[in-house]
Amino acid sequence: MSFDQSELARYEDFAAAFEGTDYALADLRFYHAKISAWRQKGEPPRRRDWRATAIQFFLNDAHDNRLKLAPGVSPHQPGRPGPADPADPADPADPGTRPAATGYRSRYDS
């Protein structure tokens, strides 16, 4: 069946399908629209399991480091401590106090 005929065609049902999962951190409105507009050879694709298809969209984008996160969700940066403490000016979470997480040091890093 095509996506517009599936049980996930309404955004509310699409979002509910990922509630309580890590996929809920993705911008579900964006992915719902992306899947709704998706075409293969000019035709709407037909799938039996649209939830699995949506998960594949998330995984592909995550693999390519282009997963679109929901508004207000910050990306995880490995090796970085939790949220910065605004009361501590030397907090290691402040990017101005240490080299970039990539390990690259510019001439401006001390």
N, C-alpha and C. Protein backbone atom coordinates (compact mmCIF):
# COMPACT_ATOMS: atom_id res chain seq x y z
N MET A 1 0.84 -1.18 0.00
CA MET A 1 0.00 0.00 0.00
C MET A 1 0.88 1.24 0.00
N SER A 2 0.39 2.32 -0.54
CA SER A 2 1.14 3.57 -0.55
C SER A 2 1.06 4.20 0.84
N PHE A 3 1.99 5.14 1.09
CA PHE A 3 2.06 5.76 2.41
C PHE A 3 0.76 6.49 2.76
N ASP A 4 0.17 7.17 1.80
CA ASP A 4 -1.05 7.93 2.10
C ASP A 4 -2.24 7.03 2.42
N GLN A 5 -2.12 5.73 2.17
CA GLN A 5 -3.17 4.78 2.53
C GLN A 5 -2.82 3.98 3.78
N SER A 6 -1.65 4.24 4.34
CA SER A 6 -1.17 3.45 5.48
C SER A 6 -1.73 3.99 6.80
N GLU A 7 -1.48 3.20 7.85
CA GLU A 7 -1.91 3.61 9.18
C GLU A 7 -1.06 4.75 9.73
N LEU A 8 0.02 5.10 9.05
CA LEU A 8 0.89 6.20 9.48
C LEU A 8 0.71 7.47 8.64
N ALA A 9 -0.30 7.50 7.81
CA ALA A 9 -0.50 8.64 6.90
C ALA A 9 -0.75 9.94 7.66
N ARG A 10 -1.48 9.87 8.76
CA ARG A 10 -1.70 11.08 9.58
C ARG A 10 -0.47 11.31 10.45
N TYR A 11 -0.03 12.56 10.54
CA TYR A 11 1.16 12.87 11.33
C TYR A 11 1.03 12.37 12.77
N GLU A 12 -0.13 12.54 13.37
CA GLU A 12 -0.32 12.15 14.77
C GLU A 12 -0.05 10.65 14.96
N ASP A 13 -0.49 9.82 14.00
CA ASP A 13 -0.26 8.38 14.08
C ASP A 13 1.21 8.04 13.84
N PHE A 14 1.84 8.79 12.93
CA PHE A 14 3.26 8.62 12.64
C PHE A 14 4.08 8.91 13.90
N ALA A 15 3.80 10.04 14.54
CA ALA A 15 4.53 10.43 15.76
C ALA A 15 4.28 9.42 16.88
N ALA A 16 3.06 8.94 17.01
CA ALA A 16 2.73 7.97 18.06
C ALA A 16 3.48 6.66 17.86
N ALA A 17 3.77 6.30 16.62
CA ALA A 17 4.48 5.06 16.32
C ALA A 17 5.91 5.08 16.85
N PHE A 18 6.47 6.26 17.09
CA PHE A 18 7.85 6.38 17.55
C PHE A 18 7.95 6.92 18.97
N GLU A 19 6.82 7.14 19.61
CA GLU A 19 6.79 7.66 20.98
C GLU A 19 7.51 6.67 21.90
N GLY A 20 8.38 7.21 22.75
CA GLY A 20 9.10 6.37 23.70
C GLY A 20 10.33 5.68 23.12
N THR A 21 10.67 5.99 21.87
CA THR A 21 11.87 5.40 21.25
C THR A 21 12.90 6.51 21.01
N ASP A 22 14.12 6.13 20.69
CA ASP A 22 15.13 7.11 20.35
C ASP A 22 14.76 7.87 19.08
N TYR A 23 13.96 7.27 18.23
CA TYR A 23 13.56 7.93 16.98
C TYR A 23 12.69 9.16 17.24
N ALA A 24 12.11 9.25 18.43
CA ALA A 24 11.30 10.43 18.78
C ALA A 24 12.15 11.69 18.86
N LEU A 25 13.49 11.53 18.94
CA LEU A 25 14.37 12.70 18.97
C LEU A 25 14.55 13.32 17.59
N ALA A 26 14.18 12.58 16.56
CA ALA A 26 14.27 13.09 15.19
C ALA A 26 13.13 14.07 14.94
N ASP A 27 13.29 14.91 13.95
CA ASP A 27 12.24 15.86 13.57
C ASP A 27 11.17 15.06 12.81
N LEU A 28 10.21 14.55 13.55
CA LEU A 28 9.20 13.65 12.97
C LEU A 28 8.33 14.34 11.93
N ARG A 29 8.05 15.64 12.10
CA ARG A 29 7.28 16.35 11.07
C ARG A 29 8.05 16.37 9.75
N PHE A 30 9.36 16.62 9.83
CA PHE A 30 10.20 16.63 8.63
C PHE A 30 10.18 15.26 7.96
N TYR A 31 10.40 14.20 8.74
CA TYR A 31 10.46 12.86 8.16
C TYR A 31 9.10 12.39 7.65
N HIS A 32 8.03 12.79 8.31
CA HIS A 32 6.69 12.45 7.82
C HIS A 32 6.48 13.08 6.44
N ALA A 33 6.85 14.35 6.31
CA ALA A 33 6.71 15.04 5.02
C ALA A 33 7.64 14.44 3.97
N LYS A 34 8.85 14.09 4.38
CA LYS A 34 9.83 13.51 3.45
C LYS A 34 9.33 12.17 2.89
N ILE A 35 8.79 11.34 3.77
CA ILE A 35 8.29 10.04 3.34
C ILE A 35 7.01 10.21 2.51
N SER A 36 6.17 11.17 2.89
CA SER A 36 4.94 11.43 2.12
C SER A 36 5.25 11.85 0.69
N ALA A 37 6.32 12.61 0.51
CA ALA A 37 6.68 13.13 -0.82
C ALA A 37 7.60 12.18 -1.60
N TRP A 38 8.07 11.13 -0.97
CA TRP A 38 9.03 10.21 -1.59
C TRP A 38 8.42 9.50 -2.79
N ARG A 39 9.18 9.43 -3.86
CA ARG A 39 8.74 8.75 -5.08
C ARG A 39 9.86 7.85 -5.59
N GLN A 40 9.49 6.73 -6.19
CA GLN A 40 10.44 5.84 -6.85
C GLN A 40 10.02 5.74 -8.30
N LYS A 41 10.92 6.12 -9.17
CA LYS A 41 10.64 6.11 -10.61
C LYS A 41 9.35 6.87 -10.92
N GLY A 42 9.14 7.97 -10.21
CA GLY A 42 7.98 8.83 -10.44
C GLY A 42 6.69 8.37 -9.81
N GLU A 43 6.68 7.20 -9.21
CA GLU A 43 5.46 6.64 -8.61
C GLU A 43 5.59 6.58 -7.09
N PRO A 44 4.47 6.71 -6.39
CA PRO A 44 4.53 6.51 -4.93
C PRO A 44 4.92 5.06 -4.64
N PRO A 45 5.92 4.84 -3.78
CA PRO A 45 6.30 3.47 -3.46
C PRO A 45 5.22 2.76 -2.67
N ARG A 46 5.22 1.46 -2.78
CA ARG A 46 4.27 0.65 -2.04
C ARG A 46 5.04 -0.23 -1.06
N ARG A 47 4.62 -0.19 0.18
CA ARG A 47 5.28 -0.96 1.23
C ARG A 47 4.22 -1.62 2.12
N ARG A 48 4.63 -2.68 2.77
CA ARG A 48 3.74 -3.32 3.75
C ARG A 48 3.96 -2.73 5.13
N ASP A 49 5.23 -2.38 5.43
CA ASP A 49 5.59 -1.90 6.76
C ASP A 49 6.20 -0.51 6.66
N TRP A 50 5.37 0.50 6.77
CA TRP A 50 5.85 1.88 6.65
C TRP A 50 6.65 2.32 7.88
N ARG A 51 6.42 1.71 9.02
CA ARG A 51 7.22 2.04 10.21
C ARG A 51 8.68 1.61 9.96
N ALA A 52 8.86 0.42 9.44
CA ALA A 52 10.22 -0.05 9.14
C ALA A 52 10.87 0.82 8.07
N THR A 53 10.09 1.27 7.11
CA THR A 53 10.62 2.15 6.07
C THR A 53 11.07 3.48 6.68
N ALA A 54 10.27 4.03 7.59
CA ALA A 54 10.64 5.28 8.26
C ALA A 54 11.92 5.09 9.07
N ILE A 55 12.03 3.97 9.77
CA ILE A 55 13.25 3.69 10.54
C ILE A 55 14.46 3.65 9.61
N GLN A 56 14.29 3.08 8.43
CA GLN A 56 15.40 3.04 7.48
C GLN A 56 15.80 4.45 7.03
N PHE A 57 14.82 5.35 6.89
CA PHE A 57 15.13 6.75 6.58
C PHE A 57 15.98 7.35 7.70
N PHE A 58 15.58 7.12 8.97
CA PHE A 58 16.34 7.64 10.11
C PHE A 58 17.76 7.07 10.12
N LEU A 59 17.86 5.75 9.94
CA LEU A 59 19.18 5.10 9.99
C LEU A 59 20.09 5.57 8.86
N ASN A 60 19.53 5.71 7.66
CA ASN A 60 20.34 6.19 6.53
C ASN A 60 20.87 7.59 6.81
N ASP A 61 20.00 8.47 7.30
CA ASP A 61 20.43 9.84 7.59
C ASP A 61 21.43 9.87 8.74
N ALA A 62 21.23 9.04 9.76
CA ALA A 62 22.18 8.98 10.87
C ALA A 62 23.53 8.48 10.39
N HIS A 63 23.53 7.47 9.54
CA HIS A 63 24.78 6.93 9.00
C HIS A 63 25.54 7.99 8.21
N ASP A 64 24.82 8.82 7.47
CA ASP A 64 25.43 9.88 6.67
C ASP A 64 25.66 11.16 7.47
N ASN A 65 25.42 11.10 8.78
CA ASN A 65 25.58 12.24 9.69
C ASN A 65 24.74 13.44 9.27
N ARG A 66 23.51 13.16 8.84
CA ARG A 66 22.62 14.25 8.44
C ARG A 66 21.21 14.08 9.02
N LEU A 67 21.12 13.33 10.12
CA LEU A 67 19.82 13.13 10.76
C LEU A 67 19.30 14.47 11.25
N LYS A 68 18.09 14.80 10.88
CA LYS A 68 17.49 16.06 11.30
C LYS A 68 16.80 15.83 12.63
N LEU A 69 17.27 16.54 13.65
CA LEU A 69 16.72 16.40 14.99
C LEU A 69 15.54 17.33 15.20
N ALA A 70 14.69 16.95 16.13
CA ALA A 70 13.53 17.77 16.48
C ALA A 70 14.00 19.11 17.04
N PRO A 71 13.20 20.16 16.87
CA PRO A 71 13.57 21.45 17.46
C PRO A 71 13.78 21.30 18.97
N GLY A 72 14.87 21.90 19.47
CA GLY A 72 15.16 21.84 20.89
C GLY A 72 16.01 20.65 21.31
N VAL A 73 16.28 19.73 20.40
CA VAL A 73 17.12 18.57 20.72
C VAL A 73 18.54 18.89 20.26
N SER A 74 19.50 18.74 21.18
CA SER A 74 20.90 19.01 20.85
C SER A 74 21.58 17.72 20.43
N PRO A 75 22.44 17.79 19.42
CA PRO A 75 23.17 16.59 19.01
C PRO A 75 24.17 16.17 20.08
N HIS A 76 24.39 14.87 20.20
CA HIS A 76 25.37 14.33 21.14
C HIS A 76 26.77 14.54 20.57
N GLN A 77 27.67 15.02 21.38
CA GLN A 77 29.05 15.20 20.95
C GLN A 77 29.91 14.31 21.81
N PRO A 78 30.40 13.19 21.25
CA PRO A 78 31.19 12.24 22.04
C PRO A 78 32.38 12.91 22.72
N GLY A 79 32.66 12.47 23.94
CA GLY A 79 33.79 13.00 24.67
C GLY A 79 33.53 14.31 25.36
N ARG A 80 32.31 14.79 25.25
CA ARG A 80 31.97 16.07 25.85
C ARG A 80 31.11 15.86 27.08
N PRO A 81 31.40 16.55 28.16
CA PRO A 81 30.57 16.40 29.36
C PRO A 81 29.16 16.93 29.14
N GLY A 82 28.36 16.76 30.15
CA GLY A 82 26.96 17.19 30.07
C GLY A 82 26.81 18.69 29.91
N PRO A 83 25.63 19.21 30.18
CA PRO A 83 25.36 20.64 29.99
C PRO A 83 26.32 21.52 30.78
N ALA A 84 26.63 22.65 30.21
CA ALA A 84 27.55 23.59 30.86
C ALA A 84 26.91 24.19 32.09
N ASP A 85 27.76 24.48 33.06
CA ASP A 85 27.31 25.16 34.27
C ASP A 85 27.57 26.65 34.08
N PRO A 86 26.52 27.45 33.91
CA PRO A 86 26.73 28.87 33.65
C PRO A 86 27.45 29.59 34.79
N ALA A 87 27.44 29.02 36.00
CA ALA A 87 28.10 29.65 37.13
C ALA A 87 29.61 29.41 37.11
N ASP A 88 30.09 28.45 36.33
CA ASP A 88 31.51 28.12 36.28
C ASP A 88 32.11 28.59 34.96
N PRO A 89 32.88 29.69 34.97
CA PRO A 89 33.42 30.21 33.72
C PRO A 89 34.44 29.28 33.06
N ALA A 90 35.03 28.36 33.81
CA ALA A 90 36.01 27.43 33.24
C ALA A 90 35.40 26.05 33.01
N ASP A 91 34.08 25.98 32.91
CA ASP A 91 33.40 24.71 32.70
C ASP A 91 33.92 24.05 31.42
N PRO A 92 34.33 22.77 31.48
CA PRO A 92 34.88 22.11 30.30
C PRO A 92 33.86 21.94 29.17
N ALA A 93 32.58 22.12 29.44
CA ALA A 93 31.59 22.02 28.38
C ALA A 93 31.58 23.28 27.51
N ASP A 94 32.26 24.33 27.97
CA ASP A 94 32.35 25.56 27.18
C ASP A 94 33.40 25.35 26.09
N PRO A 95 32.98 25.40 24.81
CA PRO A 95 33.94 25.13 23.75
C PRO A 95 35.10 26.11 23.70
N GLY A 96 34.98 27.25 24.34
CA GLY A 96 36.07 28.21 24.32
C GLY A 96 37.19 27.87 25.29
N THR A 97 37.00 26.83 26.12
CA THR A 97 38.01 26.49 27.12
C THR A 97 38.85 25.28 26.76
N ARG A 98 38.60 24.66 25.62
CA ARG A 98 39.37 23.48 25.23
C ARG A 98 39.35 23.31 23.72
N PRO A 99 40.24 22.48 23.17
CA PRO A 99 40.24 22.25 21.73
C PRO A 99 38.94 21.59 21.27
N ALA A 100 38.67 21.70 20.01
CA ALA A 100 37.47 21.09 19.46
C ALA A 100 37.46 19.59 19.72
N ALA A 101 36.27 18.98 19.79
CA ALA A 101 36.12 17.56 20.05
C ALA A 101 36.81 16.70 18.99
N THR A 102 37.10 17.26 17.85
CA THR A 102 37.77 16.52 16.79
C THR A 102 39.24 16.30 17.09
N GLY A 103 39.78 17.04 18.04
CA GLY A 103 41.19 16.94 18.34
C GLY A 103 42.02 17.95 17.57
N TYR A 104 41.44 18.61 16.60
CA TYR A 104 42.15 19.62 15.81
C TYR A 104 42.42 20.83 16.69
N ARG A 105 43.62 21.30 16.65
CA ARG A 105 43.97 22.51 17.40
C ARG A 105 44.35 23.58 16.39
N SER A 106 43.66 24.66 16.46
CA SER A 106 44.00 25.79 15.59
C SER A 106 45.03 26.65 16.29
N ARG A 107 45.52 27.63 15.62
CA ARG A 107 46.51 28.52 16.24
C ARG A 107 45.86 29.36 17.34
N TYR A 108 44.53 29.40 17.39
CA TYR A 108 43.84 30.19 18.40
C TYR A 108 43.58 29.39 19.67
N ASP A 109 43.78 28.05 19.62
CA ASP A 109 43.61 27.23 20.82
C ASP A 109 44.86 27.38 21.67
N SER A 110 44.66 27.52 22.97
CA SER A 110 45.83 27.68 23.84
C SER A 110 46.18 26.38 24.52
